[in-house]
């Protein structure tokens, strides 16, 4: 991964990890995502096949810390991955997340700034027998096209997550984004789960589902549906009545009004679904 500024958050993170390493609180290296560029990274293909990164090693802007394998599994479980999904891991390090996803039948690709890490990940994928489904690219994550992925995984700093947030929100609705421990500013996760056994530090998986864009005025039957959107959370009115419990789950929308529960699907400039309670039946809305 590549960070362009050495912020206070980066220095703080580095200090925490160094202290943890010194106290032997960080698990030994297993083979993980979340890597950083070394200060003088050796070009790919040099250094032989014996290169092994060490937990806490200095990078361009941060130290390198692996995600425990048990949390890699939890992150994939939380995203409910299937063999039909394509996964993109940002800061793929020695390839742990990509290889684990490939073992589950996914096509998975890792983006990593350090070419020696990329070579290591490729060797690991070959040894695991999944080199046909687990691929790795030496690249800057800020210059990488994120489109085409169904699931994006990461173990980056909060400041980096926030820099990526606008690009993530521009992805197709329903894209799942999973982070190890670090959040996305005021974009609250849709779900989170932690693991205790076999994990000492950075043991929480956080899931965001990219929401459809619905902010604005819609026509629902004979009434105007006015929606105000902040990420997946919605407020607004249907006619003169305020809607409640309104939110998006990818391109799925739900809200309540006047004792009726509306659920439906967003498809560009149209929405349609069903109503339970109240008038019942189906409903459609078009953007004005």
Protein backbone atom coordinates (compact mmCIF):
# COMPACT_ATOMS: atom_id res chain seq x y z
CA UNK A 1 0.00 0.00 0.00
CA UNK A 2 1.11 3.59 -0.48
CA UNK A 3 0.53 6.48 1.89
CA UNK A 4 1.45 9.96 0.74
CA UNK A 5 1.71 11.74 4.08
CA UNK A 6 3.19 10.71 7.42
CA UNK A 7 0.35 11.97 9.63
CA UNK A 8 0.04 11.91 13.41
CA UNK A 9 -2.28 8.92 12.98
CA UNK A 10 0.41 7.07 11.02
CA UNK A 11 3.07 7.85 13.64
CA UNK A 12 0.70 6.80 16.42
CA UNK A 13 -0.15 3.55 14.65
CA UNK A 14 3.52 2.82 14.08
CA UNK A 15 4.33 3.46 17.74
CA UNK A 16 1.52 1.17 18.89
CA UNK A 17 2.68 -1.65 16.65
CA UNK A 18 6.32 -1.30 17.67
CA UNK A 19 5.28 -1.48 21.32
CA UNK A 20 3.13 -4.52 20.65
CA UNK A 21 5.93 -6.25 18.80
CA UNK A 22 8.35 -5.48 21.62
CA UNK A 23 5.93 -6.97 24.12
CA UNK A 24 5.31 -10.01 21.88
CA UNK A 25 1.63 -9.18 21.67
CA UNK A 26 1.36 -9.31 17.90
CA UNK A 27 0.92 -12.77 16.44
CA UNK A 28 3.81 -14.19 14.43
CA UNK A 29 3.58 -13.57 10.72
CA UNK A 30 1.20 -16.00 9.03
CA UNK A 31 0.85 -14.38 5.57
CA UNK A 32 -1.55 -11.40 5.40
CA UNK A 33 -3.03 -8.30 3.78
CA UNK A 34 -2.14 -4.79 4.95
CA UNK A 35 1.43 -4.19 3.91
CA UNK A 36 3.45 -1.03 3.35
CA UNK A 37 6.25 -0.17 0.94
CA UNK A 38 9.77 -0.64 2.25
CA UNK A 39 11.96 2.44 2.05
CA UNK A 40 14.17 0.91 -0.58
CA UNK A 41 12.03 -1.81 -2.06
CA UNK A 42 14.02 -4.19 -4.19
CA UNK A 43 12.61 -4.52 -7.75
CA UNK A 44 10.51 -7.61 -8.35
CA UNK A 45 12.52 -10.67 -9.14
CA UNK A 46 15.55 -9.67 -7.05
CA UNK A 47 16.43 -10.92 -3.61
CA UNK A 48 15.71 -14.59 -4.32
CA UNK A 49 12.88 -16.72 -3.00
CA UNK A 50 13.87 -16.42 0.65
CA UNK A 51 12.37 -12.95 1.24
CA UNK A 52 10.22 -12.92 4.37
CA UNK A 53 8.78 -9.70 5.81
CA UNK A 54 8.79 -9.20 9.56
CA UNK A 55 6.00 -7.82 11.69
CA UNK A 56 6.72 -4.19 12.48
CA UNK A 57 9.19 -3.65 9.63
CA UNK A 58 9.55 -0.05 8.48
CA UNK A 59 7.75 0.99 5.34
CA UNK A 60 7.43 4.16 3.34
CA UNK A 61 4.89 5.65 5.73
CA UNK A 62 3.82 2.91 8.15
CA UNK A 63 5.05 -0.36 9.56
CA UNK A 64 3.76 -3.65 8.18
CA UNK A 65 1.27 -5.62 10.27
CA UNK A 66 -0.49 -8.82 9.16
CA UNK A 67 -4.14 -9.59 9.74
CA UNK A 68 -4.55 -12.79 11.83
CA UNK A 69 -5.83 -15.62 9.66
CA UNK A 70 -8.85 -16.07 11.91
CA UNK A 71 -9.91 -12.49 11.20
CA UNK A 72 -9.35 -12.93 7.46
CA UNK A 73 -11.91 -15.73 7.63
CA UNK A 74 -14.27 -13.54 9.66
CA UNK A 75 -13.96 -10.67 7.15
CA UNK A 76 -14.92 -12.97 4.29
CA UNK A 77 -17.75 -14.48 6.31
CA UNK A 78 -19.09 -11.02 7.17
CA UNK A 79 -19.09 -10.09 3.48
CA UNK A 80 -20.94 -13.35 2.74
CA UNK A 81 -18.64 -14.07 -0.18
CA UNK A 82 -19.56 -16.72 -2.76
CA UNK A 83 -17.62 -18.24 -5.67
CA UNK A 84 -19.54 -15.86 -7.96
CA UNK A 85 -17.84 -12.83 -6.37
CA UNK A 86 -14.73 -11.00 -7.48
CA UNK A 87 -12.58 -9.73 -4.63
CA UNK A 88 -10.04 -6.90 -4.58
CA UNK A 89 -7.65 -6.59 -1.61
CA UNK A 90 -6.02 -3.19 -1.10
CA UNK A 91 -2.57 -3.53 0.43
CA UNK A 92 -2.42 -7.27 -0.10
CA UNK A 93 0.96 -7.88 1.52
CA UNK A 94 1.95 -11.53 1.34
CA UNK A 95 -1.46 -12.43 -0.09
CA UNK A 96 -3.33 -13.97 2.82
CA UNK A 97 -6.77 -12.52 2.12
CA UNK A 98 -6.54 -13.07 -1.63
CA UNK A 99 -5.37 -16.66 -1.22
CA UNK A 100 -8.06 -17.43 1.38
CA UNK A 101 -10.73 -16.01 -0.93
CA UNK A 102 -9.37 -18.04 -3.84
CA UNK A 103 -9.57 -21.19 -1.72
CA UNK A 104 -13.27 -20.42 -1.33
CA UNK A 105 -13.63 -20.36 -5.11
CA UNK A 106 -13.50 -16.60 -5.74
CA UNK A 107 -11.48 -14.79 -8.37
CA UNK A 108 -9.34 -12.54 -6.16
CA UNK A 109 -6.74 -9.88 -6.91
CA UNK A 110 -4.32 -8.10 -4.60
CA UNK A 111 -2.93 -4.58 -4.98
CA UNK A 112 0.43 -4.07 -3.29
CA UNK A 113 3.06 -1.32 -3.58
CA UNK A 114 6.06 -3.39 -2.52
CA UNK A 115 7.19 -5.58 -5.45
CA UNK A 116 8.98 -8.03 -3.13
CA UNK A 117 5.72 -8.61 -1.28
CA UNK A 118 4.00 -9.20 -4.62
CA UNK A 119 6.54 -11.86 -5.57
CA UNK A 120 6.14 -13.46 -2.14
CA UNK A 121 2.34 -13.48 -2.50
CA UNK A 122 2.59 -15.10 -5.91
CA UNK A 123 4.79 -17.84 -4.50
CA UNK A 124 2.36 -18.35 -1.63
CA UNK A 125 -0.56 -18.61 -4.06
CA UNK A 126 1.31 -21.17 -6.15
CA UNK A 127 2.16 -23.22 -3.08
CA UNK A 128 -1.50 -23.09 -2.02
CA UNK A 129 -2.58 -24.33 -5.45
CA UNK A 130 -4.71 -21.27 -6.27
CA UNK A 131 -2.44 -19.25 -8.56
CA UNK A 132 -5.10 -19.44 -11.28
CA UNK A 133 -7.60 -17.57 -9.08
CA UNK A 134 -5.29 -15.49 -6.85
CA UNK A 135 -3.39 -12.77 -8.72
CA UNK A 136 -1.29 -9.85 -7.53
CA UNK A 137 -0.34 -6.51 -9.06
CA UNK A 138 2.39 -4.06 -8.05
CA UNK A 139 0.49 -0.77 -7.99
CA UNK A 140 -0.53 2.29 -6.00
CA UNK A 141 -3.99 1.75 -4.53
CA UNK A 142 -4.83 5.42 -5.12
CA UNK A 143 -4.25 4.92 -8.84
CA UNK A 144 -6.05 1.59 -9.08
CA UNK A 145 -9.46 1.18 -10.70
CA UNK A 146 -11.74 -0.21 -7.98
CA UNK A 147 -14.60 -0.99 -10.36
CA UNK A 148 -15.52 -4.55 -11.19
CA UNK A 149 -15.08 -5.86 -7.66
CA UNK A 150 -18.00 -7.27 -5.69
CA UNK A 151 -15.99 -7.27 -2.45
CA UNK A 152 -13.14 -4.96 -1.40
CA UNK A 153 -11.02 -5.81 1.63
CA UNK A 154 -8.46 -3.64 3.43
CA UNK A 155 -6.39 -3.10 6.53
CA UNK A 156 -5.49 0.58 6.19
CA UNK A 157 -5.40 3.58 8.50
CA UNK A 158 -8.59 5.61 9.17
CA UNK A 159 -7.18 8.59 7.27
CA UNK A 160 -6.52 6.41 4.22
CA UNK A 161 -10.00 4.90 4.45
CA UNK A 162 -11.48 8.38 4.43
CA UNK A 163 -9.44 9.34 1.38
CA UNK A 164 -10.77 6.26 -0.40
CA UNK A 165 -14.36 6.79 0.77
CA UNK A 166 -15.58 8.95 -2.15
CA UNK A 167 -14.32 6.37 -4.63
CA UNK A 168 -15.90 3.54 -2.70
CA UNK A 169 -19.26 5.32 -2.55
CA UNK A 170 -19.12 5.76 -6.33
CA UNK A 171 -19.00 1.98 -6.88
CA UNK A 172 -22.04 -0.03 -7.91
CA UNK A 173 -24.69 -0.33 -5.18
CA UNK A 174 -24.31 -3.54 -3.21
CA UNK A 175 -20.50 -3.63 -3.37
CA UNK A 176 -19.26 -4.89 0.00
CA UNK A 177 -16.31 -3.18 1.68
CA UNK A 178 -14.66 -4.91 4.64
CA UNK A 179 -12.00 -3.34 6.86
CA UNK A 180 -9.90 -4.78 9.63
CA UNK A 181 -10.62 -2.60 12.69
CA UNK A 182 -10.34 0.86 11.12
CA UNK A 183 -13.44 2.85 10.31
CA UNK A 184 -14.55 5.11 7.47
CA UNK A 185 -15.05 8.46 9.20
CA UNK A 186 -18.74 9.28 9.71
CA UNK A 187 -19.86 6.55 7.30
CA UNK A 188 -21.07 4.06 9.88
CA UNK A 189 -20.59 0.34 9.15
CA UNK A 190 -23.65 -1.74 8.34
CA UNK A 191 -22.34 -4.59 10.47
CA UNK A 192 -19.32 -5.49 12.58
CA UNK A 193 -18.07 -8.61 14.33
CA UNK A 194 -15.05 -9.30 16.53
CA UNK A 195 -13.07 -12.46 17.20
CA UNK A 196 -11.47 -13.26 20.54
CA UNK A 197 -9.82 -16.66 20.33
CA UNK A 198 -6.58 -16.61 18.39
CA UNK A 199 -6.47 -12.82 17.96
CA UNK A 200 -4.85 -10.26 20.28
CA UNK A 201 -4.86 -6.99 18.34
CA UNK A 202 -6.94 -5.57 15.48
CA UNK A 203 -9.59 -8.26 15.75
CA UNK A 204 -12.75 -6.55 14.45
CA UNK A 205 -14.22 -6.89 10.97
CA UNK A 206 -16.29 -3.94 9.75
CA UNK A 207 -18.66 -4.17 6.77
CA UNK A 208 -20.07 -1.39 4.61
CA UNK A 209 -22.48 -1.97 1.73
CA UNK A 210 -22.30 0.72 -0.95
CA UNK A 211 -25.76 2.33 -1.05
CA UNK A 212 -27.76 3.37 -4.09
CA UNK A 213 -28.16 7.11 -4.64
CA UNK A 214 -31.73 8.16 -3.84
CA UNK A 215 -31.40 11.69 -2.43
CA UNK A 216 -34.06 13.99 -3.92
CA UNK A 217 -37.72 14.02 -4.91
CA UNK A 218 -39.65 11.04 -6.20
CA UNK A 219 -43.27 10.53 -7.23
CA UNK A 220 -44.97 7.65 -5.43
CA UNK A 221 -48.58 7.21 -6.55
CA UNK A 222 -50.28 10.55 -6.05
CA UNK A 223 -47.75 11.81 -3.50
CA UNK A 224 -44.25 13.20 -3.48
CA UNK A 225 -41.61 11.13 -1.71
CA UNK A 226 -38.84 13.47 -0.55
CA UNK A 227 -35.66 11.68 0.54
CA UNK A 228 -32.59 13.07 2.26
CA UNK A 229 -29.65 10.68 2.27
CA UNK A 230 -26.53 10.38 4.39
CA UNK A 231 -24.77 7.27 3.21
CA UNK A 232 -27.19 4.36 3.87
CA UNK A 233 -29.40 6.33 6.28
CA UNK A 234 -32.49 8.19 5.06
CA UNK A 235 -34.94 10.76 6.34
CA UNK A 236 -37.79 12.45 4.51
CA UNK A 237 -41.51 12.65 3.91
CA UNK A 238 -44.23 10.94 1.92
CA UNK A 239 -46.80 13.62 1.25
CA UNK A 240 -47.14 15.46 4.57
CA UNK A 241 -46.11 12.49 6.74
CA UNK A 242 -42.57 11.87 7.98
CA UNK A 243 -41.01 8.54 7.11
CA UNK A 244 -39.25 6.53 9.82
CA UNK A 245 -36.78 3.63 10.05
CA UNK A 246 -35.61 4.48 6.55
CA UNK A 247 -32.38 3.06 5.16
CA UNK A 248 -30.66 1.46 2.22
CA UNK A 249 -28.98 -1.91 2.01
CA UNK A 250 -27.19 -1.61 -1.31
CA UNK A 251 -30.02 -1.10 -3.81
CA UNK A 252 -32.69 -2.27 -1.38
CA UNK A 253 -34.73 0.42 0.37
CA UNK A 254 -37.06 0.25 3.34
CA UNK A 255 -39.06 2.80 5.34
CA UNK A 256 -42.24 3.16 7.37
CA UNK A 257 -44.99 5.76 7.20
CA UNK A 258 -48.52 5.98 8.58
CA UNK A 259 -48.37 2.44 9.97
CA UNK A 260 -47.26 0.89 6.67
CA UNK A 261 -43.90 -0.73 5.92
CA UNK A 262 -42.44 -0.13 2.45
CA UNK A 263 -39.70 -2.36 1.05
CA UNK A 264 -38.37 -2.24 -2.46
CA UNK A 265 -35.51 -2.11 -4.92
CA UNK A 266 -33.84 0.92 -6.46
CA UNK A 267 -33.05 0.72 -10.17
CA UNK A 268 -31.60 4.01 -11.34
CA UNK A 269 -34.46 6.50 -11.62
CA UNK A 270 -37.14 4.04 -10.53
CA UNK A 271 -38.07 2.14 -7.37
CA UNK A 272 -40.64 -0.57 -6.85
CA UNK A 273 -41.65 -2.91 -4.09
CA UNK A 274 -44.38 -4.01 -1.73
CA UNK A 275 -46.29 -2.53 1.20
CA UNK A 276 -47.25 -4.44 4.32
CA UNK A 277 -49.85 -2.91 6.61
CA UNK A 278 -51.72 0.24 5.65
CA UNK A 279 -52.93 0.08 2.04
CA UNK A 280 -50.92 -3.06 1.26
CA UNK A 281 -50.12 -4.17 -2.29
CA UNK A 282 -47.28 -2.91 -4.46
CA UNK A 283 -45.71 0.49 -4.98
CA UNK A 284 -43.59 2.22 -7.59
CA UNK A 285 -41.80 5.55 -7.54
CA UNK A 286 -40.00 7.55 -10.22
CA UNK A 287 -37.42 10.28 -9.72
CA UNK A 288 -38.63 13.81 -10.48
